[in-house]
């Protein structure tokens, strides 16, 4: 029947007649059709049967399946990945999302993430849990680290380069507006000698830590650089740590890991410091001060007349003073960049040395990404040290004009530093931090422990008061703000100004000590 239907539509009439003979089977019908066609003079042959058409005709209608409209896969082609499936019917799935969510080319999105993460750190520092974690800088860095490793913000972006190349150098002059060296030398008294002894303890502690702490996991080039950066951190402060890291081109992963380890170490250090302060006697002048001036009228007058003390104790932000401080910092950085570019190449042997040559050779690509290193501004490692010298000179020559700018300038510097710590966290890797943070914590622990023991033990042998020694140690490790706060909380009023002045002195000299000692000594020591 199928053959008959086929013949009725595609074969000539004689063939149809032959097929209708009941005595011929299918094969016989084909033979008979050839004979009938020949008798009628037909020479045209019947077209061959199509396999698909034959199957369709032989299959009952109720069992037929509609042919697929999809193209048939070539047998030689390889099977590719399955297309993404929609999740709950929305979109094409996570596979079609461009990661990270904020692309590096989205400038506004990256800047929004930077400022939001820095604000999160400042807000968290005001909370109880945030203060216990380690402060605003560590909170911002860890928050940015989580965002980048979960694919929310990029690891590298042009906005990060702008923070490192332009915003970071501005923080140095803004933090040194009260660095009047004449006041430091004349108003610190014994605290200055204690500070110098504490700095020597940090240097010796760095040598001891580098000798016994296994630092091979950081690499031969990065181990001594991190030692130099942490040395500067425990003589001056975080700004010196960042300055040395930029001058030596330390990878961003290690900078973030060192920051986390150092903040954890600071918690242990301050607990030991205040435990030692319980047995320290207050200076005699402070005990007599309360008897002579119970209402503290003279103290308030002294604070008003003292430029540095009034600036440090003020929490107000003046728009005009802030703009003036920012302008002064920008002019200082521009002049420092000009001077640094004019210096002879041989000066690179001071401080930055080996790393500086490599940075200078790759000036076009040094700031292209933080994973390769934190390149200093304009790829010149001497810019920040020169800016430090210029700012100290300006603050020493014009203290009454520059000192009042300090509160607003330091507020702007805090924002800039927070943005930098966000960039450090965003460029870091959780795996890298977990691998390197333990050794860096142990390094900081040995370094700071030796510093504290050396300062107190040797200082008391020279007849120095424990209160002066502890305040000087706090100026080394904590900085001017924490040292002055400790002196005020203990009731040591005579030590508030010396604590601030020696802390500012640490900002002024720590970068140079870290760079020069790291290059001259640590880089030549065998790696454990």
Protein backbone atom coordinates (compact mmCIF):
# COMPACT_ATOMS: atom_id res chain seq x y z
CA UNK A 1 0.00 0.00 0.00
CA UNK A 2 2.86 2.38 0.79
CA UNK A 3 4.41 1.63 -2.56
CA UNK A 4 1.08 2.21 -4.22
CA UNK A 5 0.65 5.57 -2.55
CA UNK A 6 4.18 6.51 -3.50
CA UNK A 7 3.59 5.54 -7.10
CA UNK A 8 0.34 7.45 -7.27
CA UNK A 9 2.12 10.71 -6.56
CA UNK A 10 5.50 10.32 -8.23
CA UNK A 11 5.38 7.58 -10.93
CA UNK A 12 3.84 7.55 -14.45
CA UNK A 13 0.41 6.04 -15.11
CA UNK A 14 1.55 2.69 -16.64
CA UNK A 15 3.47 2.00 -13.46
CA UNK A 16 0.34 2.70 -11.43
CA UNK A 17 -1.64 0.25 -13.49
CA UNK A 18 0.99 -2.42 -13.04
CA UNK A 19 1.09 -1.88 -9.30
CA UNK A 20 -2.60 -2.37 -8.96
CA UNK A 21 -2.37 -5.98 -10.18
CA UNK A 22 -3.39 -8.10 -7.23
CA UNK A 23 -1.35 -11.09 -8.34
CA UNK A 24 1.95 -9.26 -8.09
CA UNK A 25 3.76 -8.82 -4.82
CA UNK A 26 5.86 -5.79 -4.14
CA UNK A 27 8.91 -7.11 -5.98
CA UNK A 28 6.78 -8.47 -8.84
CA UNK A 29 5.00 -5.16 -9.13
CA UNK A 30 8.29 -3.45 -9.72
CA UNK A 31 9.20 -5.93 -12.49
CA UNK A 32 5.76 -5.67 -14.06
CA UNK A 33 5.95 -1.91 -14.00
CA UNK A 34 9.13 -2.03 -16.03
CA UNK A 35 7.42 -4.25 -18.66
CA UNK A 36 4.31 -2.07 -18.89
CA UNK A 37 6.45 1.01 -19.18
CA UNK A 38 8.38 -0.55 -22.01
CA UNK A 39 5.16 -1.52 -23.82
CA UNK A 40 3.95 2.05 -23.64
CA UNK A 41 7.28 3.38 -24.79
CA UNK A 42 8.10 4.99 -21.44
CA UNK A 43 11.78 5.28 -20.68
CA UNK A 44 11.54 7.36 -17.48
CA UNK A 45 12.48 5.52 -14.30
CA UNK A 46 10.68 5.84 -10.99
CA UNK A 47 12.54 8.04 -8.45
CA UNK A 48 14.05 6.17 -5.49
CA UNK A 49 12.14 5.97 -2.26
CA UNK A 50 13.23 8.32 0.56
CA UNK A 51 13.90 6.45 3.81
CA UNK A 52 12.28 9.08 6.00
CA UNK A 53 9.21 9.23 3.75
CA UNK A 54 8.90 5.45 3.74
CA UNK A 55 9.12 5.30 7.55
CA UNK A 56 6.51 8.00 7.83
CA UNK A 57 4.15 6.11 5.53
CA UNK A 58 4.65 2.74 7.25
CA UNK A 59 4.24 4.16 10.81
CA UNK A 60 0.67 4.52 12.12
CA UNK A 61 -0.48 8.12 12.55
CA UNK A 62 -0.99 7.79 16.32
CA UNK A 63 2.66 6.80 16.82
CA UNK A 64 4.23 9.44 14.64
CA UNK A 65 6.51 12.07 16.29
CA UNK A 66 6.83 15.54 14.85
CA UNK A 67 10.26 16.10 13.32
CA UNK A 68 12.68 18.27 15.33
CA UNK A 69 13.40 21.74 14.04
CA UNK A 70 16.83 21.89 15.75
CA UNK A 71 19.85 21.45 13.46
CA UNK A 72 21.38 18.00 13.49
CA UNK A 73 24.74 17.85 15.32
CA UNK A 74 27.65 16.88 13.17
CA UNK A 75 29.13 13.56 14.15
CA UNK A 76 32.64 14.96 14.04
CA UNK A 77 31.88 17.96 16.27
CA UNK A 78 32.86 17.94 19.93
CA UNK A 79 30.36 18.42 22.69
CA UNK A 80 30.64 21.95 24.15
CA UNK A 81 29.60 23.25 27.58
CA UNK A 82 25.96 23.17 28.43
CA UNK A 83 24.23 26.56 28.13
CA UNK A 84 23.55 28.36 31.44
CA UNK A 85 20.19 27.65 32.97
CA UNK A 86 17.95 30.25 34.45
CA UNK A 87 17.76 30.37 38.24
CA UNK A 88 14.16 30.52 39.44
CA UNK A 89 13.26 31.64 35.95
CA UNK A 90 15.23 34.87 36.19
CA UNK A 91 17.94 35.66 33.64
CA UNK A 92 20.34 33.15 32.16
CA UNK A 93 22.06 32.31 35.45
CA UNK A 94 25.18 33.34 37.27
CA UNK A 95 27.38 32.10 34.43
CA UNK A 96 26.35 35.05 32.27
CA UNK A 97 27.25 37.67 34.94
CA UNK A 98 30.45 39.58 34.26
CA UNK A 99 32.71 39.14 37.28
CA UNK A 100 33.59 41.20 39.22
CA UNK A 101 30.29 42.98 39.57
CA UNK A 102 32.06 46.33 39.54
CA UNK A 103 34.29 46.26 36.48
CA UNK A 104 37.66 48.07 36.52
CA UNK A 105 36.44 50.30 33.68
CA UNK A 106 33.52 51.49 35.84
CA UNK A 107 35.36 54.41 37.43
CA UNK A 108 32.45 55.72 39.48
CA UNK A 109 31.61 52.27 40.74
CA UNK A 110 35.19 51.64 41.87
CA UNK A 111 35.47 55.01 43.59
CA UNK A 112 32.14 54.45 45.32
CA UNK A 113 33.40 51.10 46.62
CA UNK A 114 36.64 52.69 47.86
CA UNK A 115 34.91 55.40 49.85
CA UNK A 116 32.21 53.07 51.18
CA UNK A 117 34.81 50.59 52.42
CA UNK A 118 36.85 53.37 54.05
CA UNK A 119 33.72 54.70 55.74
CA UNK A 120 32.90 51.22 56.97
CA UNK A 121 36.28 51.06 58.68
CA UNK A 122 35.83 54.45 60.35
CA UNK A 123 32.34 53.51 61.49
CA UNK A 124 33.40 50.10 62.76
CA UNK A 125 36.19 51.67 64.77
CA UNK A 126 33.53 53.49 66.81
CA UNK A 127 31.87 50.20 67.73
CA UNK A 128 33.01 47.91 70.51
CA UNK A 129 33.59 44.96 68.22
CA UNK A 130 35.48 47.11 65.72
CA UNK A 131 37.91 48.44 68.29
CA UNK A 132 38.65 44.89 69.37
CA UNK A 133 39.31 43.74 65.81
CA UNK A 134 42.16 46.20 65.29
CA UNK A 135 41.03 49.68 64.26
CA UNK A 136 39.72 51.50 61.24
CA UNK A 137 42.61 50.73 58.90
CA UNK A 138 42.42 46.97 59.39
CA UNK A 139 38.62 46.93 59.14
CA UNK A 140 38.70 48.77 55.81
CA UNK A 141 41.43 46.50 54.46
CA UNK A 142 39.66 43.30 55.51
CA UNK A 143 36.32 44.51 54.15
CA UNK A 144 37.89 45.35 50.79
CA UNK A 145 39.72 42.01 50.83
CA UNK A 146 36.41 40.18 51.25
CA UNK A 147 34.73 42.19 48.50
CA UNK A 148 37.50 41.54 45.98
CA UNK A 149 37.82 37.83 46.74
CA UNK A 150 34.04 37.35 46.45
CA UNK A 151 34.00 39.05 43.06
CA UNK A 152 32.29 42.31 43.99
CA UNK A 153 35.14 44.73 43.26
CA UNK A 154 38.20 44.22 41.02
CA UNK A 155 41.71 43.39 42.17
CA UNK A 156 43.20 46.00 39.88
CA UNK A 157 41.70 49.21 38.54
CA UNK A 158 42.90 52.61 37.32
CA UNK A 159 41.28 54.18 40.39
CA UNK A 160 43.62 52.15 42.63
CA UNK A 161 46.60 53.54 40.75
CA UNK A 162 45.31 57.07 41.31
CA UNK A 163 45.08 56.46 45.06
CA UNK A 164 48.66 55.17 45.24
CA UNK A 165 50.19 57.70 42.87
CA UNK A 166 48.44 60.89 44.01
CA UNK A 167 46.38 60.58 47.19
CA UNK A 168 48.91 58.64 49.26
CA UNK A 169 51.76 61.20 48.95
CA UNK A 170 49.36 63.93 50.14
CA UNK A 171 48.93 62.15 53.48
CA UNK A 172 52.59 62.65 54.44
CA UNK A 173 52.57 66.47 54.54
CA UNK A 174 49.11 66.52 56.10
CA UNK A 175 50.34 64.42 59.05
CA UNK A 176 53.52 66.43 59.62
CA UNK A 177 52.11 69.95 59.97
CA UNK A 178 53.10 70.01 63.67
CA UNK A 179 56.62 68.62 63.17
CA UNK A 180 58.41 71.61 64.71
CA UNK A 181 61.86 70.25 65.50
CA UNK A 182 62.74 73.20 67.71
CA UNK A 183 59.83 72.38 69.97
CA UNK A 184 60.79 68.73 69.92
CA UNK A 185 64.34 69.45 71.06
CA UNK A 186 63.42 72.01 73.71
CA UNK A 187 60.12 70.75 75.16
CA UNK A 188 60.43 66.97 75.32
CA UNK A 189 63.07 66.73 78.05
CA UNK A 190 63.82 63.19 79.16
CA UNK A 191 61.10 61.75 76.95
CA UNK A 192 63.25 62.51 73.91
CA UNK A 193 66.11 60.39 75.26
CA UNK A 194 63.64 57.64 76.09
CA UNK A 195 62.29 57.87 72.55
CA UNK A 196 65.76 57.51 71.06
CA UNK A 197 66.38 54.51 73.29
CA UNK A 198 63.12 52.96 72.17
CA UNK A 199 64.05 53.51 68.53
CA UNK A 200 67.35 51.72 69.17
CA UNK A 201 65.39 48.89 70.76
CA UNK A 202 63.22 48.58 67.65
CA UNK A 203 66.28 48.44 65.39
CA UNK A 204 67.95 45.76 67.51
CA UNK A 205 64.66 43.88 67.78
CA UNK A 206 64.41 43.86 63.99
CA UNK A 207 67.85 42.28 63.70
CA UNK A 208 66.91 39.65 66.28
CA UNK A 209 63.56 38.89 64.65
CA UNK A 210 65.08 38.62 61.19
CA UNK A 211 67.67 36.19 62.55
CA UNK A 212 65.33 33.75 64.29
CA UNK A 213 61.93 34.06 62.58
CA UNK A 214 61.51 31.95 59.41
CA UNK A 215 60.82 34.45 56.63
CA UNK A 216 61.73 32.28 53.63
CA UNK A 217 58.07 31.94 52.69
CA UNK A 218 58.02 35.62 51.74
CA UNK A 219 60.85 35.26 49.26
CA UNK A 220 64.41 36.51 49.47
CA UNK A 221 63.58 39.91 47.96
CA UNK A 222 60.46 40.60 50.00
CA UNK A 223 61.61 39.33 53.42
CA UNK A 224 64.06 42.12 54.19
CA UNK A 225 61.73 44.71 52.67
CA UNK A 226 58.92 43.70 55.02
CA UNK A 227 61.40 43.80 57.91
CA UNK A 228 62.35 47.37 56.98
CA UNK A 229 58.71 48.42 56.64
CA UNK A 230 57.77 46.97 60.04
CA UNK A 231 60.81 48.64 61.58
CA UNK A 232 59.60 52.01 60.28
CA UNK A 233 56.12 51.19 61.53
CA UNK A 234 57.36 50.61 65.10
CA UNK A 235 59.47 53.77 65.16
CA UNK A 236 56.97 56.15 63.58
CA UNK A 237 53.57 54.92 62.49
CA UNK A 238 51.38 53.57 59.71
CA UNK A 239 52.32 56.39 57.34
CA UNK A 240 55.98 55.33 57.58
CA UNK A 241 55.04 51.71 56.98
CA UNK A 242 53.22 52.75 53.82
CA UNK A 243 56.05 55.04 52.71
CA UNK A 244 58.68 52.30 53.00
CA UNK A 245 56.39 49.81 51.27
CA UNK A 246 55.97 52.23 48.38
CA UNK A 247 59.67 53.02 48.12
CA UNK A 248 60.66 49.35 48.13
CA UNK A 249 57.83 48.24 45.82
CA UNK A 250 56.48 45.60 48.20
CA UNK A 251 53.60 43.49 46.77
CA UNK A 252 50.15 44.49 47.93
CA UNK A 253 49.40 41.02 49.33
CA UNK A 254 52.32 41.27 51.74
CA UNK A 255 51.44 44.83 52.76
CA UNK A 256 47.91 43.73 53.67
CA UNK A 257 49.19 40.66 55.53
CA UNK A 258 51.71 42.77 57.43
CA UNK A 259 49.01 45.26 58.36
CA UNK A 260 46.77 42.52 59.74
CA UNK A 261 49.60 40.88 61.68
CA UNK A 262 50.78 44.21 63.09
CA UNK A 263 47.32 45.20 64.31
CA UNK A 264 46.99 41.89 66.09
CA UNK A 265 50.41 42.40 67.63
CA UNK A 266 49.45 45.90 68.80
CA UNK A 267 46.62 44.45 70.87
CA UNK A 268 49.12 42.28 72.74
CA UNK A 269 51.56 45.17 73.06
CA UNK A 270 49.10 47.65 74.57
CA UNK A 271 47.90 45.08 77.08
CA UNK A 272 51.48 44.61 78.29
CA UNK A 273 52.18 48.35 78.19
CA UNK A 274 49.27 49.31 80.43
CA UNK A 275 50.08 46.43 82.77
CA UNK A 276 53.55 47.92 83.26
CA UNK A 277 52.04 51.40 83.68
CA UNK A 278 50.16 50.29 86.79
CA UNK A 279 53.39 50.17 88.77
CA UNK A 280 54.81 53.39 87.30
CA UNK A 281 54.85 56.42 89.58
CA UNK A 282 53.44 59.71 88.31
CA UNK A 283 55.96 62.52 87.77
CA UNK A 284 56.35 64.71 90.84
CA UNK A 285 55.33 67.80 88.97
CA UNK A 286 51.95 66.26 88.15
CA UNK A 287 51.32 65.38 91.80
CA UNK A 288 52.08 68.95 92.83
CA UNK A 289 50.12 70.37 89.90
CA UNK A 290 46.80 69.15 91.25
CA UNK A 291 47.46 70.77 94.62
CA UNK A 292 48.40 74.15 93.18
CA UNK A 293 45.68 74.28 90.52
CA UNK A 294 42.71 72.14 91.54
CA UNK A 295 40.41 73.76 88.93
CA UNK A 296 42.99 73.31 86.13
CA UNK A 297 42.66 76.92 85.02
CA UNK A 298 46.36 77.19 84.25
CA UNK A 299 46.21 73.96 82.28
CA UNK A 300 43.49 75.34 80.03
CA UNK A 301 45.41 78.57 79.50
CA UNK A 302 48.53 76.61 78.67
CA UNK A 303 46.64 74.51 76.16
CA UNK A 304 45.26 77.62 74.47
CA UNK A 305 48.69 79.21 74.18
CA UNK A 306 50.44 76.07 72.96
CA UNK A 307 50.02 75.79 69.20
CA UNK A 308 50.74 72.08 68.95
CA UNK A 309 48.70 71.10 71.99
CA UNK A 310 45.72 73.16 70.87
CA UNK A 311 45.95 71.68 67.39
CA UNK A 312 46.20 68.11 68.63
CA UNK A 313 43.36 68.43 71.13
CA UNK A 314 41.00 70.09 68.67
CA UNK A 315 38.42 67.94 66.92
CA UNK A 316 36.89 70.68 64.80
CA UNK A 317 37.19 70.80 61.02
CA UNK A 318 37.49 74.19 59.39
CA UNK A 319 36.80 74.29 55.66
CA UNK A 320 39.24 77.12 54.96
CA UNK A 321 42.00 75.54 57.04
CA UNK A 322 41.36 72.17 55.45
CA UNK A 323 41.60 73.66 51.98
CA UNK A 324 44.77 75.52 52.94
CA UNK A 325 46.33 72.37 54.36
CA UNK A 326 45.45 70.41 51.22
CA UNK A 327 46.90 73.14 49.01
CA UNK A 328 50.09 73.22 51.05
CA UNK A 329 50.39 69.43 50.83
CA UNK A 330 49.88 69.50 47.06
CA UNK A 331 52.51 72.21 46.58
CA UNK A 332 54.92 70.27 48.80
CA UNK A 333 54.40 67.07 46.79
CA UNK A 334 54.88 68.90 43.50
CA UNK A 335 58.11 70.45 44.73
CA UNK A 336 59.26 67.10 46.16
CA UNK A 337 58.59 65.35 42.85
CA UNK A 338 60.57 68.03 41.00
CA UNK A 339 63.52 67.74 43.40
CA UNK A 340 63.45 63.93 43.36
CA UNK A 341 63.59 63.89 39.56
CA UNK A 342 66.59 66.24 39.59
CA UNK A 343 68.58 64.20 42.09
CA UNK A 344 71.46 62.15 40.64
CA UNK A 345 70.83 58.48 40.05
CA UNK A 346 73.53 57.62 42.56
CA UNK A 347 71.23 58.88 45.33
CA UNK A 348 69.04 55.88 44.71
CA UNK A 349 71.61 53.87 46.64
CA UNK A 350 70.33 55.60 49.77
CA UNK A 351 67.31 53.86 51.14
CA UNK A 352 65.48 52.36 48.19
CA UNK A 353 68.66 51.00 46.55
CA UNK A 354 68.12 47.73 44.71
CA UNK A 355 64.35 47.99 44.42
CA UNK A 356 64.47 51.61 43.27
CA UNK A 357 66.52 50.75 40.19
CA UNK A 358 64.00 48.14 39.13
CA UNK A 359 61.12 50.56 39.71
CA UNK A 360 62.80 53.30 37.68
CA UNK A 361 63.45 50.94 34.76
CA UNK A 362 59.78 49.98 34.66
CA UNK A 363 58.32 53.44 35.17
CA UNK A 364 55.70 52.90 32.49
CA UNK A 365 54.33 49.74 34.09
CA UNK A 366 55.18 50.10 37.76
CA UNK A 367 51.83 51.60 38.68
CA UNK A 368 49.80 49.32 36.42
CA UNK A 369 48.71 47.03 39.23
CA UNK A 370 49.19 46.51 42.93
CA UNK A 371 49.75 42.79 42.64
CA UNK A 372 53.21 43.49 41.29
CA UNK A 373 54.01 45.99 44.00
CA UNK A 374 53.01 49.26 45.53
CA UNK A 375 54.87 51.68 43.33
CA UNK A 376 55.48 55.10 44.77
CA UNK A 377 54.22 58.21 43.04
CA UNK A 378 55.71 58.98 39.64
CA UNK A 379 57.75 55.75 39.96
CA UNK A 380 60.34 57.71 42.01
CA UNK A 381 60.99 56.13 45.41
CA UNK A 382 62.64 59.30 46.72
CA UNK A 383 59.56 61.49 46.41
CA UNK A 384 57.99 60.67 49.78
CA UNK A 385 61.28 61.04 51.74
CA UNK A 386 61.87 64.42 50.05
CA UNK A 387 58.29 65.48 50.84
CA UNK A 388 58.91 64.52 54.47
CA UNK A 389 62.00 66.72 54.66
CA UNK A 390 60.23 69.67 53.07
CA UNK A 391 57.23 69.43 55.39
CA UNK A 392 59.41 69.21 58.50
CA UNK A 393 61.34 72.27 57.34
CA UNK A 394 58.14 74.25 56.71
CA UNK A 395 56.66 73.25 60.09
CA UNK A 396 59.89 74.21 61.86
CA UNK A 397 60.24 77.59 60.13
CA UNK A 398 56.58 78.63 60.34
CA UNK A 399 55.06 76.85 63.35
CA UNK A 400 52.43 79.47 64.21
CA UNK A 401 51.10 79.59 60.67
CA UNK A 402 51.25 75.90 59.86
CA UNK A 403 50.35 74.46 63.30
CA UNK A 404 46.70 75.63 63.32
CA UNK A 405 46.13 73.76 60.04
CA UNK A 406 46.89 70.42 61.71
CA UNK A 407 43.35 69.40 62.90
CA UNK A 408 41.75 69.84 59.49
CA UNK A 409 44.80 68.50 57.70
CA UNK A 410 44.93 65.34 59.81
CA UNK A 411 41.21 64.75 59.21
CA UNK A 412 41.85 64.80 55.47
CA UNK A 413 44.90 62.60 55.92
CA UNK A 414 42.79 60.05 57.80
CA UNK A 415 40.41 59.79 54.83
CA UNK A 416 43.30 59.45 52.39
CA UNK A 417 44.95 56.74 54.46
CA UNK A 418 41.68 54.85 54.72
CA UNK A 419 41.35 54.89 50.93
CA UNK A 420 44.86 53.53 50.63
CA UNK A 421 44.16 50.68 53.06
CA UNK A 422 41.07 49.83 51.01
CA UNK A 423 43.25 49.59 47.90
CA UNK A 424 45.70 47.37 49.80
CA UNK A 425 42.90 45.04 50.87
CA UNK A 426 41.30 44.94 47.42
CA UNK A 427 44.57 43.92 45.78
CA UNK A 428 45.26 41.20 48.34
CA UNK A 429 44.58 37.50 48.36
CA UNK A 430 43.09 35.56 51.25
CA UNK A 431 45.33 32.58 50.55
CA UNK A 432 48.42 34.79 50.45
CA UNK A 433 47.49 36.44 53.74
CA UNK A 434 46.88 33.14 55.47
CA UNK A 435 50.25 31.84 54.28
CA UNK A 436 52.31 34.90 55.22
CA UNK A 437 50.49 36.50 58.18
CA UNK A 438 51.71 33.96 60.82
CA UNK A 439 55.39 34.59 60.08
CA UNK A 440 54.84 38.35 59.98
CA UNK A 441 52.99 38.23 63.30
CA UNK A 442 55.84 36.28 64.86
CA UNK A 443 58.32 38.77 63.42
CA UNK A 444 56.38 41.71 64.89
CA UNK A 445 56.01 39.90 68.21
CA UNK A 446 59.77 39.35 68.58
CA UNK A 447 60.57 42.84 67.38
CA UNK A 448 58.14 44.71 69.64
CA UNK A 449 58.74 42.48 72.65
CA UNK A 450 62.46 43.14 72.46
CA UNK A 451 61.76 46.86 71.98
CA UNK A 452 59.63 47.08 75.11
CA UNK A 453 61.96 45.00 77.27
CA UNK A 454 65.05 46.83 76.06
CA UNK A 455 63.49 50.28 76.58
CA UNK A 456 62.30 49.62 80.14
CA UNK A 457 65.25 47.54 81.36
CA UNK A 458 68.08 49.64 79.91
CA UNK A 459 66.31 52.94 80.55
CA UNK A 460 65.82 52.23 84.24
CA UNK A 461 69.48 51.24 84.50
CA UNK A 462 70.33 54.74 83.26
CA UNK A 463 68.10 56.32 85.89
CA UNK A 464 65.16 57.25 83.65
CA UNK A 465 61.61 57.17 85.00
CA UNK A 466 59.36 54.32 83.97
CA UNK A 467 56.55 56.73 83.11
CA UNK A 468 58.78 58.53 80.59
CA UNK A 469 59.97 55.25 79.15
CA UNK A 470 56.47 53.87 78.67
CA UNK A 471 55.22 57.07 77.03
CA UNK A 472 58.22 57.08 74.70
CA UNK A 473 57.60 53.43 73.81
CA UNK A 474 53.99 54.27 73.01
CA UNK A 475 55.20 57.11 70.78
CA UNK A 476 57.33 54.59 68.89
CA UNK A 477 54.78 51.85 68.42
CA UNK A 478 51.44 53.63 68.72
CA UNK A 479 52.16 57.14 67.49
CA UNK A 480 51.49 60.61 68.88
CA UNK A 481 47.75 60.22 69.36
CA UNK A 482 47.84 57.03 71.41
CA UNK A 483 50.84 58.24 73.44
CA UNK A 484 49.13 61.50 74.37
CA UNK A 485 45.91 59.66 75.18
CA UNK A 486 47.78 57.31 77.48
CA UNK A 487 49.49 60.22 79.28
CA UNK A 488 46.15 61.97 79.76
CA UNK A 489 44.37 58.84 80.97
CA UNK A 490 47.09 58.17 83.57
CA UNK A 491 47.00 61.76 84.77
CA UNK A 492 50.56 62.50 83.59
CA UNK A 493 49.77 66.00 82.30
CA UNK A 494 53.40 67.03 81.97
CA UNK A 495 53.96 64.22 79.47
CA UNK A 496 51.09 65.00 77.07
CA UNK A 497 53.01 67.52 74.96
CA UNK A 498 56.28 65.51 74.95
CA UNK A 499 54.31 62.42 73.90
CA UNK A 500 52.82 64.28 70.94
CA UNK A 501 56.13 65.85 69.95
CA UNK A 502 58.12 62.62 70.06
CA UNK A 503 55.38 60.84 68.12
CA UNK A 504 55.59 63.48 65.39
CA UNK A 505 59.37 63.12 65.46
CA UNK A 506 58.86 59.42 64.77
CA UNK A 507 56.82 60.30 61.68
CA UNK A 508 59.68 62.53 60.52
CA UNK A 509 62.59 60.08 60.91
CA UNK A 510 61.14 56.55 60.73
CA UNK A 511 61.01 56.39 56.93
CA UNK A 512 64.69 57.22 56.58
CA UNK A 513 65.70 54.77 59.32
CA UNK A 514 63.70 51.94 57.81
CA UNK A 515 64.97 52.48 54.27
CA UNK A 516 68.63 52.97 55.13
CA UNK A 517 68.93 50.23 57.77
CA UNK A 518 66.91 47.77 55.72
CA UNK A 519 69.08 48.22 52.67
CA UNK A 520 72.41 48.40 54.50
CA UNK A 521 71.88 45.61 57.07
CA UNK A 522 68.75 43.47 56.62
CA UNK A 523 69.24 42.91 52.88
CA UNK A 524 72.70 41.45 53.58
CA UNK A 525 71.67 39.16 56.41
CA UNK A 526 71.10 35.45 55.69
CA UNK A 527 67.48 34.43 55.35
CA UNK A 528 66.18 31.88 57.87
